[in-house]
Amino acid sequence: MRNGVVAILKEAESGGAVERVNLSDRQLRLIPESIGRLHGLLVLNLSQNQLEVLPDSIAGLEKLEELDVSSNLLVFLPDSIGLLRNLKFLNVSANKVKARPESIALCRRKL
């Protein structure tokens, strides 16, 4: 796990308010389940990495409005993505995702 991810998670665990996280272009292969603890997160940019899956704990990002996972190696999105009721922007371009989960219809706005 890269230092940037560790620092962000430590900040969240210490009660810090993290609203925007940009972890783009860091050659990340995985995102830890603990990312779901960033309850106040509004914007998450994970683009241009080597992610093959997103953790189910992403559902813990209750306030998330923007999620960019473009240019990764994703084949599917977790069903838990439908629990992101405030999601307004989702970028999954340049991945191998063939179908969106039905749960995505539960998101607040049409994506």
C-alpha atoms as a PDB file:
ATOM      1  CA  MET A   1       0.000   0.000   0.000  1.00  0.00           C
ATOM      2  CA  ARG A   2       1.356   3.416  -0.940  1.00  0.00           C
ATOM      3  CA  ASN A   3       2.141   6.095   1.643  1.00  0.00           C
ATOM      4  CA  GLY A   4      -0.646   8.378   0.388  1.00  0.00           C
ATOM      5  CA  VAL A   5      -3.305   5.788   1.130  1.00  0.00           C
ATOM      6  CA  VAL A   6      -1.875   5.094   4.580  1.00  0.00           C
ATOM      7  CA  ALA A   7      -1.750   8.803   5.457  1.00  0.00           C
ATOM      8  CA  ILE A   8      -5.349   9.358   4.379  1.00  0.00           C
ATOM      9  CA  LEU A   9      -6.631   6.393   6.383  1.00  0.00           C
ATOM     10  CA  LYS A  10      -4.694   7.481   9.485  1.00  0.00           C
ATOM     11  CA  GLU A  11      -6.164  10.968   9.166  1.00  0.00           C
ATOM     12  CA  ALA A  12      -9.665   9.514   9.024  1.00  0.00           C
ATOM     13  CA  GLU A  13      -9.074   7.211  11.988  1.00  0.00           C
ATOM     14  CA  SER A  14      -7.827  10.122  14.092  1.00  0.00           C
ATOM     15  CA  GLY A  15     -11.115  11.914  13.513  1.00  0.00           C
ATOM     16  CA  GLY A  16      -9.872  14.205  10.750  1.00  0.00           C
ATOM     17  CA  ALA A  17     -12.378  15.396   8.200  1.00  0.00           C
ATOM     18  CA  VAL A  18     -11.344  14.199   4.763  1.00  0.00           C
ATOM     19  CA  GLU A  19     -13.607  15.467   1.962  1.00  0.00           C
ATOM     20  CA  ARG A  20     -11.493  15.002  -1.183  1.00  0.00           C
ATOM     21  CA  VAL A  21      -9.032  12.239  -2.002  1.00  0.00           C
ATOM     22  CA  ASN A  22      -6.987  12.115  -5.190  1.00  0.00           C
ATOM     23  CA  LEU A  23      -5.081   8.847  -5.562  1.00  0.00           C
ATOM     24  CA  SER A  24      -4.879   8.953  -9.337  1.00  0.00           C
ATOM     25  CA  ASP A  25      -1.908   7.635 -11.292  1.00  0.00           C
ATOM     26  CA  ARG A  26      -0.211   5.855  -8.370  1.00  0.00           C
ATOM     27  CA  GLN A  27      -0.086   2.330  -9.784  1.00  0.00           C
ATOM     28  CA  LEU A  28      -2.381   1.075  -7.021  1.00  0.00           C
ATOM     29  CA  ARG A  29      -3.507  -2.523  -7.375  1.00  0.00           C
ATOM     30  CA  LEU A  30      -5.938  -2.555  -4.464  1.00  0.00           C
ATOM     31  CA  ILE A  31      -7.819  -0.257  -2.166  1.00  0.00           C
ATOM     32  CA  PRO A  32      -8.130  -1.431   1.446  1.00  0.00           C
ATOM     33  CA  GLU A  33     -11.532  -2.168   2.972  1.00  0.00           C
ATOM     34  CA  SER A  34     -10.814   0.565   5.520  1.00  0.00           C
ATOM     35  CA  ILE A  35     -11.486   3.171   2.809  1.00  0.00           C
ATOM     36  CA  GLY A  36     -15.133   2.813   3.853  1.00  0.00           C
ATOM     37  CA  ARG A  37     -14.335   4.607   7.118  1.00  0.00           C
ATOM     38  CA  LEU A  38     -14.026   7.946   5.320  1.00  0.00           C
ATOM     39  CA  HIS A  39     -17.672   8.749   6.003  1.00  0.00           C
ATOM     40  CA  GLY A  40     -17.388  12.458   5.158  1.00  0.00           C
ATOM     41  CA  LEU A  41     -15.714  11.905   1.793  1.00  0.00           C
ATOM     42  CA  LEU A  42     -17.322  13.817  -1.081  1.00  0.00           C
ATOM     43  CA  VAL A  43     -14.889  13.224  -3.971  1.00  0.00           C
ATOM     44  CA  LEU A  44     -12.738  10.140  -4.625  1.00  0.00           C
ATOM     45  CA  ASN A  45     -10.414   9.943  -7.624  1.00  0.00           C
ATOM     46  CA  LEU A  46      -8.852   6.521  -8.189  1.00  0.00           C
ATOM     47  CA  SER A  47      -8.276   6.941 -11.921  1.00  0.00           C
ATOM     48  CA  GLN A  48      -5.253   5.707 -13.859  1.00  0.00           C
ATOM     49  CA  ASN A  49      -4.270   2.897 -11.521  1.00  0.00           C
ATOM     50  CA  GLN A  50      -4.270  -0.880 -11.851  1.00  0.00           C
ATOM     51  CA  LEU A  51      -7.349  -1.666  -9.784  1.00  0.00           C
ATOM     52  CA  GLU A  52      -9.137  -4.899 -10.633  1.00  0.00           C
ATOM     53  CA  VAL A  53     -11.831  -4.624  -7.941  1.00  0.00           C
ATOM     54  CA  LEU A  54     -13.373  -2.038  -5.662  1.00  0.00           C
ATOM     55  CA  PRO A  55     -13.968  -3.071  -2.050  1.00  0.00           C
ATOM     56  CA  ASP A  56     -17.561  -3.609  -0.889  1.00  0.00           C
ATOM     57  CA  SER A  57     -16.787  -1.230   1.961  1.00  0.00           C
ATOM     58  CA  ILE A  58     -17.115   1.592  -0.557  1.00  0.00           C
ATOM     59  CA  ALA A  59     -20.752   1.611   0.594  1.00  0.00           C
ATOM     60  CA  GLY A  60     -19.537   3.290   3.794  1.00  0.00           C
ATOM     61  CA  LEU A  61     -18.829   6.470   1.835  1.00  0.00           C
ATOM     62  CA  GLU A  62     -22.331   7.729   2.543  1.00  0.00           C
ATOM     63  CA  LYS A  63     -21.750  11.320   1.398  1.00  0.00           C
ATOM     64  CA  LEU A  64     -19.750  10.524  -1.734  1.00  0.00           C
ATOM     65  CA  GLU A  65     -20.856  12.641  -4.695  1.00  0.00           C
ATOM     66  CA  GLU A  66     -18.089  11.976  -7.239  1.00  0.00           C
ATOM     67  CA  LEU A  67     -16.258   8.730  -7.964  1.00  0.00           C
ATOM     68  CA  ASP A  68     -13.686   8.477 -10.743  1.00  0.00           C
ATOM     69  CA  VAL A  69     -12.309   4.983 -11.358  1.00  0.00           C
ATOM     70  CA  SER A  70     -11.516   5.509 -15.030  1.00  0.00           C
ATOM     71  CA  SER A  71      -8.482   3.900 -16.677  1.00  0.00           C
ATOM     72  CA  ASN A  72      -8.169   0.887 -14.399  1.00  0.00           C
ATOM     73  CA  LEU A  73      -8.612  -2.850 -14.922  1.00  0.00           C
ATOM     74  CA  LEU A  74     -12.118  -3.165 -13.466  1.00  0.00           C
ATOM     75  CA  VAL A  75     -14.322  -5.917 -14.866  1.00  0.00           C
ATOM     76  CA  PHE A  76     -17.343  -5.242 -12.641  1.00  0.00           C
ATOM     77  CA  LEU A  77     -18.590  -2.799 -10.032  1.00  0.00           C
ATOM     78  CA  PRO A  78     -19.664  -4.035  -6.600  1.00  0.00           C
ATOM     79  CA  ASP A  79     -23.399  -4.195  -5.900  1.00  0.00           C
ATOM     80  CA  SER A  80     -22.711  -2.051  -2.844  1.00  0.00           C
ATOM     81  CA  ILE A  81     -22.199   0.921  -5.159  1.00  0.00           C
ATOM     82  CA  GLY A  82     -25.982   1.276  -5.149  1.00  0.00           C
ATOM     83  CA  LEU A  83     -25.798   2.331  -1.509  1.00  0.00           C
ATOM     84  CA  LEU A  84     -24.053   5.570  -2.516  1.00  0.00           C
ATOM     85  CA  ARG A  85     -27.303   7.538  -2.502  1.00  0.00           C
ATOM     86  CA  ASN A  86     -25.600  10.932  -2.995  1.00  0.00           C
ATOM     87  CA  LEU A  87     -23.506   9.863  -5.987  1.00  0.00           C
ATOM     88  CA  LYS A  88     -23.912  12.374  -8.830  1.00  0.00           C
ATOM     89  CA  PHE A  89     -20.883  11.556 -10.992  1.00  0.00           C
ATOM     90  CA  LEU A  90     -19.409   8.147 -11.775  1.00  0.00           C
ATOM     91  CA  ASN A  91     -16.634   7.672 -14.338  1.00  0.00           C
ATOM     92  CA  VAL A  92     -15.813   4.057 -15.232  1.00  0.00           C
ATOM     93  CA  SER A  93     -14.485   4.736 -18.732  1.00  0.00           C
ATOM     94  CA  ALA A  94     -11.400   2.899 -20.030  1.00  0.00           C
ATOM     95  CA  ASN A  95     -12.130  -0.214 -17.962  1.00  0.00           C
ATOM     96  CA  LYS A  96     -13.419  -3.659 -18.880  1.00  0.00           C
ATOM     97  CA  VAL A  97     -16.802  -3.168 -17.196  1.00  0.00           C
ATOM     98  CA  LYS A  98     -19.447  -4.700 -19.454  1.00  0.00           C
ATOM     99  CA  ALA A  99     -22.532  -4.117 -17.336  1.00  0.00           C
ATOM    100  CA  ARG A 100     -23.528  -1.908 -14.458  1.00  0.00           C
ATOM    101  CA  PRO A 101     -25.031  -3.539 -11.378  1.00  0.00           C
ATOM    102  CA  GLU A 102     -28.790  -3.109 -11.064  1.00  0.00           C
ATOM    103  CA  SER A 103     -28.252  -1.514  -7.665  1.00  0.00           C
ATOM    104  CA  ILE A 104     -26.788   1.559  -9.358  1.00  0.00           C
ATOM    105  CA  ALA A 105     -30.351   2.661 -10.073  1.00  0.00           C
ATOM    106  CA  LEU A 106     -30.652   3.393  -6.355  1.00  0.00           C
ATOM    107  CA  CYS A 107     -28.138   6.233  -6.589  1.00  0.00           C
ATOM    108  CA  ARG A 108     -29.605   9.689  -6.155  1.00  0.00           C
ATOM    109  CA  ARG A 109     -29.137  11.006  -9.668  1.00  0.00           C
ATOM    110  CA  LYS A 110     -29.108   9.351 -13.027  1.00  0.00           C
ATOM    111  CA  LEU A 111     -25.503   8.533 -13.842  1.00  0.00           C
END
